[in-house]
Amino acid sequence: MKKCCFKEKKYKTCADCEKYPSCAIIQNFFDKKGYKYKKYKESIEFIRKKGYESFFIIAEKWNNAYGRFS
């Protein structure tokens, strides 16, 4: 993901990519077992819908790498 997103396409995250919904790399990452992968996907989906500024406002209140979106 890092090579594709940052180095090749110069995006901040996969949320910026028009191929995100059909990208096998990111979708395989999200299919891994573990709660954190679900939360990572929620973050990308939130950014795609509401933007980075809204995401940072919510994420600022988190104590860990992920948290609640409400």
Protein backbone atom coordinates (compact mmCIF):
# COMPACT_ATOMS: atom_id res chain seq x y z
CA MET A 1 0.00 0.00 0.00
CA LYS A 2 2.74 2.42 0.90
CA LYS A 3 4.43 2.03 -2.46
CA CYS A 4 1.21 2.45 -4.42
CA CYS A 5 -0.43 5.17 -2.36
CA PHE A 6 2.44 7.39 -1.25
CA LYS A 7 5.29 6.81 -3.62
CA GLU A 8 3.57 6.17 -6.94
CA LYS A 9 0.31 8.12 -6.73
CA LYS A 10 1.35 10.76 -4.18
CA TYR A 11 -1.86 10.35 -2.14
CA LYS A 12 -2.16 10.98 1.60
CA THR A 13 -4.09 7.73 2.06
CA CYS A 14 -5.99 5.16 0.04
CA ALA A 15 -9.11 7.26 0.68
CA ASP A 16 -7.90 9.60 -2.08
CA CYS A 17 -7.70 6.87 -4.71
CA GLU A 18 -10.47 6.48 -7.26
CA LYS A 19 -9.64 2.76 -7.48
CA TYR A 20 -10.13 2.22 -3.73
CA PRO A 21 -13.40 0.23 -3.97
CA SER A 22 -11.89 -2.27 -6.41
CA CYS A 23 -8.29 -2.28 -5.15
CA ALA A 24 -7.23 -5.83 -4.31
CA ILE A 25 -4.31 -4.65 -2.16
CA ILE A 26 -6.40 -2.61 0.29
CA GLN A 27 -9.39 -4.96 0.25
CA ASN A 28 -7.13 -7.94 1.08
CA PHE A 29 -5.66 -5.89 3.93
CA PHE A 30 -9.14 -5.21 5.31
CA ASP A 31 -10.07 -8.91 5.00
CA LYS A 32 -7.44 -9.89 7.57
CA LYS A 33 -8.71 -11.18 10.90
CA GLY A 34 -8.69 -8.72 13.73
CA TYR A 35 -10.73 -5.86 15.07
CA LYS A 36 -8.17 -3.25 14.07
CA TYR A 37 -8.61 -3.99 10.34
CA LYS A 38 -12.33 -3.25 10.64
CA LYS A 39 -11.49 0.03 12.36
CA TYR A 40 -8.92 0.94 9.69
CA LYS A 41 -11.56 0.38 7.02
CA GLU A 42 -14.03 2.55 8.96
CA SER A 43 -11.44 5.32 9.01
CA ILE A 44 -10.91 5.22 5.25
CA GLU A 45 -14.66 5.13 4.62
CA PHE A 46 -15.18 8.08 6.98
CA ILE A 47 -12.50 10.12 5.22
CA ARG A 48 -14.00 9.35 1.82
CA LYS A 49 -17.45 10.51 2.98
CA LYS A 50 -16.64 13.45 5.27
CA GLY A 51 -13.06 14.46 4.52
CA TYR A 52 -9.80 14.69 6.42
CA GLU A 53 -10.74 17.72 8.50
CA SER A 54 -13.76 15.95 10.03
CA PHE A 55 -11.67 12.83 10.58
CA PHE A 56 -8.94 14.74 12.42
CA ILE A 57 -11.48 16.41 14.70
CA ILE A 58 -12.82 13.01 15.77
CA ALA A 59 -9.43 11.26 15.86
CA GLU A 60 -7.98 13.96 18.09
CA LYS A 61 -10.11 12.58 20.94
CA TRP A 62 -8.88 8.99 20.57
CA ASN A 63 -6.40 7.45 22.99
CA ASN A 64 -5.27 4.74 20.57
CA ALA A 65 -4.76 4.25 16.85
CA TYR A 66 -8.54 4.06 16.39
CA GLY A 67 -11.70 4.99 18.19
CA ARG A 68 -15.37 5.86 17.87
CA PHE A 69 -16.87 7.80 14.99
CA SER A 70 -19.89 9.12 16.83
